[in-house]
């Protein structure tokens, strides 16, 4: 992928921008290109970091559930950057390599337990219809409270928005970060 917007340099930016980039780099474990590209609009980056950080690092959802939702969103939105970053984060959250690859098959894959399949279905529904149907809402509400339900909805929406940015701006994966799995 050829970037349409080149990432800003890692160092030597105006102090306001450098401070944002240094803060983002310390919390992401290497997801630099997204933030260095967003830094073309420092005001947006400044406001985005606390929101995205809350969903990623300070939310109520269990990390494994969060990563299933993000990976399914990345797959559905065709964002290999998002996929690569969250495959790595997903492993840290307890997902196996086999589960990460299986996310691409979706909620109908028989190896998923019902709880995992429901999360993948939720991501699919939110992306297709911008709402959860009654069966999905009922299933998730039996397992999660209001805060987690809100996070599920906003998490999928946030990562769909990011996928649109990443795909359109042509943000490239960092060296060594995997892209989509080879399915076959």
Protein backbone atom coordinates (compact mmCIF):
# COMPACT_ATOMS: atom_id res chain seq x y z
CA UNK A 1 0.00 0.00 0.00
CA UNK A 2 1.35 3.41 -0.90
CA UNK A 3 0.57 6.06 1.69
CA UNK A 4 -1.60 8.94 0.54
CA UNK A 5 -0.51 10.80 3.66
CA UNK A 6 3.05 10.10 4.75
CA UNK A 7 3.49 9.67 8.49
CA UNK A 8 5.26 12.54 10.21
CA UNK A 9 8.78 11.73 11.39
CA UNK A 10 9.17 9.94 14.71
CA UNK A 11 11.18 12.86 16.10
CA UNK A 12 11.84 16.51 15.41
CA UNK A 13 8.21 17.65 15.10
CA UNK A 14 6.88 20.88 16.61
CA UNK A 15 6.70 20.44 20.42
CA UNK A 16 2.88 20.18 20.53
CA UNK A 17 2.90 17.34 18.01
CA UNK A 18 5.98 15.61 19.45
CA UNK A 19 4.39 15.50 22.89
CA UNK A 20 1.30 13.78 21.46
CA UNK A 21 3.38 11.28 19.49
CA UNK A 22 5.65 10.48 22.43
CA UNK A 23 2.61 9.85 24.63
CA UNK A 24 0.94 7.64 22.03
CA UNK A 25 4.10 5.64 21.36
CA UNK A 26 4.56 4.83 25.01
CA UNK A 27 1.16 3.21 25.30
CA UNK A 28 0.81 1.31 22.03
CA UNK A 29 3.85 -0.91 21.86
CA UNK A 30 4.81 0.11 18.37
CA UNK A 31 1.67 1.24 16.53
CA UNK A 32 3.41 4.36 15.34
CA UNK A 33 2.25 4.89 11.76
CA UNK A 34 -1.39 5.44 12.67
CA UNK A 35 -0.53 8.19 15.16
CA UNK A 36 2.21 9.73 13.04
CA UNK A 37 -0.34 9.99 10.20
CA UNK A 38 -3.15 11.31 12.42
CA UNK A 39 -0.66 13.91 13.68
CA UNK A 40 -1.21 15.86 10.47
CA UNK A 41 -4.28 17.05 12.40
CA UNK A 42 -2.98 17.54 15.96
CA UNK A 43 -6.33 18.71 17.31
CA UNK A 44 -8.03 15.49 16.24
CA UNK A 45 -5.16 13.35 17.54
CA UNK A 46 -5.24 15.17 20.89
CA UNK A 47 -8.96 14.41 21.31
CA UNK A 48 -8.82 10.92 19.84
CA UNK A 49 -6.09 9.55 22.11
CA UNK A 50 -8.09 9.68 25.37
CA UNK A 51 -11.20 8.16 23.78
CA UNK A 52 -9.36 5.42 21.92
CA UNK A 53 -7.18 4.77 24.95
CA UNK A 54 -10.21 4.40 27.20
CA UNK A 55 -11.74 1.79 24.89
CA UNK A 56 -8.46 -0.06 24.43
CA UNK A 57 -6.84 0.13 27.86
CA UNK A 58 -9.45 1.37 30.33
CA UNK A 59 -12.68 -0.27 29.32
CA UNK A 60 -14.92 -2.69 31.16
CA UNK A 61 -14.96 -5.43 28.52
CA UNK A 62 -12.63 -8.35 29.09
CA UNK A 63 -9.56 -7.89 26.86
CA UNK A 64 -10.18 -11.12 24.94
CA UNK A 65 -13.77 -10.08 24.11
CA UNK A 66 -12.58 -6.62 23.08
CA UNK A 67 -10.00 -8.08 20.72
CA UNK A 68 -12.50 -10.47 19.11
CA UNK A 69 -14.71 -7.46 18.33
CA UNK A 70 -11.81 -5.40 16.98
CA UNK A 71 -10.42 -8.22 14.84
CA UNK A 72 -13.84 -8.97 13.33
CA UNK A 73 -14.29 -5.27 12.60
CA UNK A 74 -10.83 -5.11 10.99
CA UNK A 75 -11.66 -8.14 8.84
CA UNK A 76 -15.06 -6.81 7.77
CA UNK A 77 -13.61 -3.40 6.97
CA UNK A 78 -10.59 -4.77 5.08
CA UNK A 79 -8.05 -3.11 7.36
CA UNK A 80 -4.87 -5.16 7.39
CA UNK A 81 -3.16 -2.50 9.53
CA UNK A 82 -5.79 -2.83 12.23
CA UNK A 83 -5.74 -6.62 11.88
CA UNK A 84 -1.97 -6.83 12.32
CA UNK A 85 -1.87 -4.60 15.37
CA UNK A 86 -4.76 -6.39 17.04
CA UNK A 87 -3.58 -9.88 16.20
CA UNK A 88 -0.56 -9.00 18.35
CA UNK A 89 -2.69 -7.42 21.08
CA UNK A 90 -5.17 -10.29 20.86
CA UNK A 91 -2.45 -12.81 21.63
CA UNK A 92 -1.53 -10.80 24.72
CA UNK A 93 -5.24 -10.92 25.67
CA UNK A 94 -5.30 -14.71 25.47
CA UNK A 95 -6.43 -15.43 21.91
CA UNK A 96 -4.65 -18.31 20.23
CA UNK A 97 -3.26 -18.11 16.70
CA UNK A 98 -5.99 -20.54 15.60
CA UNK A 99 -8.72 -18.33 17.10
CA UNK A 100 -7.29 -15.21 15.48
CA UNK A 101 -7.33 -16.87 12.06
CA UNK A 102 -10.82 -18.24 12.75
CA UNK A 103 -12.16 -14.70 13.30
CA UNK A 104 -12.08 -14.34 9.51
CA UNK A 105 -14.54 -17.25 9.14
CA UNK A 106 -17.02 -15.41 11.32
CA UNK A 107 -19.61 -16.38 13.89
CA UNK A 108 -20.92 -19.34 11.89
CA UNK A 109 -17.67 -21.26 12.27
CA UNK A 110 -18.64 -24.32 14.37
CA UNK A 111 -15.55 -24.21 16.60
CA UNK A 112 -16.69 -20.99 18.31
CA UNK A 113 -18.52 -21.29 21.59
CA UNK A 114 -21.80 -19.36 21.72
CA UNK A 115 -20.37 -16.46 23.76
CA UNK A 116 -17.58 -15.81 21.24
CA UNK A 117 -19.91 -16.32 18.28
CA UNK A 118 -22.33 -13.76 19.73
CA UNK A 119 -19.56 -11.13 19.92
CA UNK A 120 -18.59 -11.78 16.30
CA UNK A 121 -22.27 -11.59 15.28
CA UNK A 122 -22.57 -8.30 17.13
CA UNK A 123 -19.67 -6.84 15.15
CA UNK A 124 -21.21 -8.10 11.91
CA UNK A 125 -24.62 -6.63 12.73
CA UNK A 126 -23.28 -3.28 13.87
CA UNK A 127 -21.27 -2.93 10.66
CA UNK A 128 -24.08 -4.10 8.38
CA UNK A 129 -27.10 -2.43 10.00
CA UNK A 130 -25.64 0.07 12.49
CA UNK A 131 -27.69 -1.59 15.21
CA UNK A 132 -27.96 -4.82 17.10
CA UNK A 133 -31.01 -6.92 16.43
CA UNK A 134 -33.17 -8.00 19.34
CA UNK A 135 -31.73 -11.54 19.58
CA UNK A 136 -28.17 -10.22 19.76
CA UNK A 137 -29.06 -7.47 22.22
CA UNK A 138 -30.87 -9.95 24.47
CA UNK A 139 -27.96 -12.42 24.40
CA UNK A 140 -25.37 -9.75 25.13
CA UNK A 141 -27.51 -8.09 27.83
CA UNK A 142 -27.73 -11.44 29.63
CA UNK A 143 -23.94 -11.46 29.86
CA UNK A 144 -22.95 -7.78 30.07
CA UNK A 145 -24.13 -4.72 31.96
CA UNK A 146 -24.95 -1.31 30.47
CA UNK A 147 -21.33 -0.09 30.49
CA UNK A 148 -20.10 -3.13 28.58
CA UNK A 149 -22.99 -2.94 26.12
CA UNK A 150 -22.13 0.69 25.39
CA UNK A 151 -18.49 -0.27 24.93
CA UNK A 152 -19.36 -3.03 22.46
CA UNK A 153 -21.27 -0.58 20.29
CA UNK A 154 -18.70 2.22 20.50
CA UNK A 155 -15.74 -0.13 20.10
CA UNK A 156 -17.01 -1.52 16.79
CA UNK A 157 -17.94 1.98 15.59
CA UNK A 158 -14.56 3.41 16.58
CA UNK A 159 -12.60 0.68 14.84
CA UNK A 160 -14.78 0.93 11.73
CA UNK A 161 -14.01 4.66 11.65
CA UNK A 162 -10.30 3.95 12.11
CA UNK A 163 -10.39 1.33 9.35
CA UNK A 164 -11.84 3.92 6.99
CA UNK A 165 -9.04 6.31 7.90
CA UNK A 166 -6.29 3.68 7.67
CA UNK A 167 -7.52 2.29 4.35
CA UNK A 168 -8.12 5.68 2.73
CA UNK A 169 -4.94 7.37 3.98
CA UNK A 170 -2.91 4.29 3.01
CA UNK A 171 -1.33 3.83 6.44
CA UNK A 172 1.25 1.07 6.13
CA UNK A 173 1.90 -1.62 8.71
CA UNK A 174 5.09 -1.26 10.68
CA UNK A 175 7.91 -3.64 9.74
CA UNK A 176 7.31 -7.09 11.18
CA UNK A 177 3.60 -6.56 11.82
CA UNK A 178 1.54 -9.26 10.14
CA UNK A 179 -1.35 -8.56 7.81
CA UNK A 180 -4.38 -10.66 7.03
CA UNK A 181 -3.96 -14.42 7.30
CA UNK A 182 -3.67 -16.59 4.23
CA UNK A 183 -6.93 -18.52 4.11
CA UNK A 184 -7.25 -21.55 2.04
